[in-house]
């Protein structure tokens, strides 16, 4: 999961909202290196971190799942 290899316009420079990696990390209380590993290495963040990042950066969650991905609910 390349959370935001900032296909929304990043890679070390500010993303579409103007947030640098360091600013983003500070707001969501993560280490900048961890944010970089999410971005570049496909590190999987916790659900809480994922939620905070996509909310902060206004990124659509569906872009992180393959086309045709279906959620199956077990009852």
N, C-alpha and C. Protein backbone atom coordinates (compact mmCIF):
# COMPACT_ATOMS: atom_id res chain seq x y z
N UNK A 1 0.86 -1.17 0.00
CA UNK A 1 0.00 0.00 0.00
C UNK A 1 0.90 1.21 0.00
N UNK A 2 0.95 1.91 -1.05
CA UNK A 2 1.71 3.15 -1.08
C UNK A 2 0.73 4.25 -0.72
N UNK A 3 0.68 4.51 0.59
CA UNK A 3 -0.37 5.38 1.12
C UNK A 3 -0.47 6.69 0.40
N UNK A 4 0.59 7.35 0.21
CA UNK A 4 0.54 8.53 -0.59
C UNK A 4 1.89 8.77 -1.18
N UNK A 5 2.25 7.87 -2.03
CA UNK A 5 3.48 8.17 -2.74
C UNK A 5 3.07 9.40 -3.49
N UNK A 6 2.16 10.02 -2.86
CA UNK A 6 1.56 11.27 -3.28
C UNK A 6 1.37 11.26 -4.77
N UNK A 7 0.71 10.18 -5.19
CA UNK A 7 0.23 10.16 -6.55
C UNK A 7 -0.73 11.33 -6.67
N UNK A 8 -0.99 11.89 -5.53
CA UNK A 8 -1.75 13.12 -5.46
C UNK A 8 -0.79 14.30 -5.50
N UNK A 9 0.46 14.05 -5.89
CA UNK A 9 1.41 15.10 -6.11
C UNK A 9 2.51 15.28 -5.08
N UNK A 10 3.23 14.25 -4.69
CA UNK A 10 4.23 14.39 -3.62
C UNK A 10 5.58 13.85 -3.99
N UNK A 11 6.15 13.02 -3.25
CA UNK A 11 7.47 12.42 -3.34
C UNK A 11 8.49 13.40 -2.76
N UNK A 12 8.32 13.72 -1.47
CA UNK A 12 9.26 14.59 -0.80
C UNK A 12 8.88 16.06 -0.84
N UNK A 13 8.17 16.45 -1.87
CA UNK A 13 7.71 17.83 -1.96
C UNK A 13 6.30 17.91 -1.39
N UNK A 14 5.77 19.09 -1.15
CA UNK A 14 4.43 19.18 -0.57
C UNK A 14 3.38 18.50 -1.45
N UNK A 15 2.38 17.87 -0.82
CA UNK A 15 1.31 17.23 -1.57
C UNK A 15 0.29 18.27 -2.01
N UNK A 16 -0.83 17.84 -2.54
CA UNK A 16 -1.81 18.78 -3.10
C UNK A 16 -2.38 19.74 -2.07
N UNK A 17 -2.29 19.40 -0.78
CA UNK A 17 -2.76 20.30 0.27
C UNK A 17 -1.63 21.17 0.82
N UNK A 18 -0.41 20.97 0.29
CA UNK A 18 0.72 21.75 0.74
C UNK A 18 1.43 21.19 1.96
N UNK A 19 1.09 19.97 2.36
CA UNK A 19 1.71 19.35 3.54
C UNK A 19 2.99 18.64 3.13
N UNK A 20 4.09 18.94 3.81
CA UNK A 20 5.31 18.16 3.62
C UNK A 20 5.21 16.90 4.47
N UNK A 21 6.10 15.97 4.24
CA UNK A 21 6.11 14.73 5.02
C UNK A 21 6.30 15.05 6.51
N UNK A 22 7.18 15.98 6.81
CA UNK A 22 7.45 16.34 8.20
C UNK A 22 6.21 16.96 8.87
N UNK A 23 5.52 17.83 8.15
CA UNK A 23 4.31 18.45 8.69
C UNK A 23 3.23 17.39 8.92
N UNK A 24 3.08 16.51 7.95
CA UNK A 24 2.08 15.45 8.05
C UNK A 24 2.37 14.57 9.26
N UNK A 25 3.63 14.17 9.41
CA UNK A 25 4.03 13.29 10.52
C UNK A 25 3.76 13.96 11.86
N UNK A 26 4.05 15.23 11.96
CA UNK A 26 3.85 15.94 13.23
C UNK A 26 2.37 16.00 13.60
N UNK A 27 1.52 16.29 12.64
CA UNK A 27 0.08 16.42 12.92
C UNK A 27 -0.53 15.09 13.35
N UNK A 28 -0.13 14.00 12.73
CA UNK A 28 -0.71 12.70 13.07
C UNK A 28 0.13 11.93 14.09
N UNK A 29 1.13 12.60 14.64
CA UNK A 29 1.96 12.05 15.71
C UNK A 29 2.67 10.75 15.30
N UNK A 30 3.30 10.81 14.12
CA UNK A 30 4.11 9.70 13.63
C UNK A 30 5.50 10.23 13.31
N UNK A 31 6.47 9.36 13.29
CA UNK A 31 7.83 9.75 12.90
C UNK A 31 7.87 9.99 11.40
N UNK A 32 8.56 11.04 10.96
CA UNK A 32 8.68 11.29 9.51
C UNK A 32 9.24 10.09 8.75
N UNK A 33 10.16 9.34 9.36
CA UNK A 33 10.71 8.16 8.69
C UNK A 33 9.65 7.08 8.50
N UNK A 34 8.75 6.96 9.46
CA UNK A 34 7.66 5.98 9.34
C UNK A 34 6.71 6.40 8.22
N UNK A 35 6.40 7.69 8.14
CA UNK A 35 5.55 8.18 7.06
C UNK A 35 6.23 7.93 5.72
N UNK A 36 7.54 8.13 5.67
CA UNK A 36 8.29 7.85 4.44
C UNK A 36 8.22 6.37 4.08
N UNK A 37 8.27 5.49 5.08
CA UNK A 37 8.20 4.06 4.77
C UNK A 37 6.82 3.66 4.30
N UNK A 38 5.79 4.32 4.78
CA UNK A 38 4.44 4.08 4.28
C UNK A 38 4.38 4.52 2.83
N UNK A 39 4.94 5.67 2.58
CA UNK A 39 4.93 6.26 1.24
C UNK A 39 5.74 5.46 0.24
N UNK A 40 6.96 5.11 0.60
CA UNK A 40 7.91 4.53 -0.36
C UNK A 40 8.02 3.02 -0.33
N UNK A 41 7.88 2.42 0.83
CA UNK A 41 8.15 1.00 0.96
C UNK A 41 6.90 0.15 1.08
N UNK A 42 5.75 0.78 1.09
CA UNK A 42 4.53 0.02 1.22
C UNK A 42 4.28 -0.47 2.63
N UNK A 43 4.91 0.16 3.62
CA UNK A 43 4.66 -0.19 5.02
C UNK A 43 3.17 -0.05 5.30
N UNK A 44 2.60 -0.99 6.04
CA UNK A 44 1.18 -0.96 6.33
C UNK A 44 0.93 -0.27 7.66
N UNK A 45 0.30 0.90 7.62
CA UNK A 45 0.01 1.60 8.88
C UNK A 45 -1.15 0.94 9.61
N UNK A 46 -1.29 1.28 10.88
CA UNK A 46 -2.46 0.81 11.63
C UNK A 46 -3.70 1.44 11.01
N UNK A 47 -4.84 0.87 11.30
CA UNK A 47 -6.09 1.43 10.78
C UNK A 47 -6.27 2.87 11.26
N UNK A 48 -5.90 3.14 12.51
CA UNK A 48 -6.02 4.49 13.05
C UNK A 48 -5.12 5.47 12.28
N UNK A 49 -3.87 5.08 12.05
CA UNK A 49 -2.94 5.94 11.31
C UNK A 49 -3.41 6.14 9.88
N UNK A 50 -3.88 5.06 9.26
CA UNK A 50 -4.41 5.15 7.89
C UNK A 50 -5.56 6.15 7.83
N UNK A 51 -6.49 6.03 8.77
CA UNK A 51 -7.63 6.93 8.81
C UNK A 51 -7.18 8.38 9.00
N UNK A 52 -6.27 8.60 9.92
CA UNK A 52 -5.80 9.96 10.18
C UNK A 52 -5.10 10.55 8.96
N UNK A 53 -4.30 9.75 8.28
CA UNK A 53 -3.58 10.25 7.10
C UNK A 53 -4.52 10.55 5.94
N UNK A 54 -5.42 9.64 5.62
CA UNK A 54 -6.32 9.91 4.49
C UNK A 54 -7.28 11.05 4.79
N UNK A 55 -7.66 11.19 6.07
CA UNK A 55 -8.54 12.30 6.45
C UNK A 55 -7.79 13.62 6.36
N UNK A 56 -6.59 13.66 6.90
CA UNK A 56 -5.79 14.88 6.88
C UNK A 56 -5.48 15.32 5.46
N UNK A 57 -5.12 14.37 4.61
CA UNK A 57 -4.68 14.69 3.26
C UNK A 57 -5.80 14.70 2.24
N UNK A 58 -7.01 14.38 2.70
CA UNK A 58 -8.18 14.37 1.82
C UNK A 58 -7.94 13.47 0.61
N UNK A 59 -7.50 12.24 0.90
CA UNK A 59 -7.21 11.25 -0.12
C UNK A 59 -8.34 10.23 -0.13
N UNK A 60 -8.78 9.82 -1.30
CA UNK A 60 -9.85 8.83 -1.41
C UNK A 60 -9.33 7.44 -1.03
N UNK A 61 -10.01 6.80 -0.10
CA UNK A 61 -9.60 5.48 0.39
C UNK A 61 -9.66 4.42 -0.72
N UNK A 62 -10.60 4.52 -1.62
CA UNK A 62 -10.77 3.48 -2.64
C UNK A 62 -9.57 3.34 -3.57
N UNK A 63 -8.69 4.33 -3.63
CA UNK A 63 -7.53 4.21 -4.51
C UNK A 63 -6.50 3.22 -3.98
N UNK A 64 -6.67 2.76 -2.74
CA UNK A 64 -5.72 1.84 -2.15
C UNK A 64 -6.11 0.38 -2.31
N UNK A 65 -7.23 0.12 -2.96
CA UNK A 65 -7.69 -1.24 -3.17
C UNK A 65 -7.72 -1.52 -4.66
N UNK A 66 -7.39 -2.74 -5.07
CA UNK A 66 -7.38 -3.07 -6.49
C UNK A 66 -8.77 -2.95 -7.11
N UNK A 67 -8.79 -2.65 -8.42
CA UNK A 67 -10.08 -2.60 -9.12
C UNK A 67 -10.77 -3.94 -9.00
N UNK A 68 -12.06 -3.90 -8.81
CA UNK A 68 -12.84 -5.11 -8.67
C UNK A 68 -12.81 -5.70 -7.27
N UNK A 69 -12.14 -5.03 -6.34
CA UNK A 69 -12.07 -5.49 -4.96
C UNK A 69 -13.47 -5.48 -4.34
N UNK A 70 -13.84 -6.59 -3.74
CA UNK A 70 -15.15 -6.68 -3.13
C UNK A 70 -15.00 -7.05 -1.67
N UNK A 71 -15.78 -6.42 -0.86
CA UNK A 71 -15.79 -6.73 0.57
C UNK A 71 -16.86 -7.78 0.81
N UNK A 72 -16.49 -8.85 1.47
CA UNK A 72 -17.45 -9.92 1.78
C UNK A 72 -17.69 -9.90 3.28
N UNK A 73 -18.92 -9.74 3.64
CA UNK A 73 -19.29 -9.70 5.05
C UNK A 73 -19.76 -11.07 5.50
N UNK A 74 -19.24 -11.53 6.61
CA UNK A 74 -19.70 -12.77 7.20
C UNK A 74 -20.64 -12.42 8.32
N UNK A 75 -21.80 -13.05 8.33
CA UNK A 75 -22.74 -12.74 9.41
C UNK A 75 -22.86 -13.89 10.39
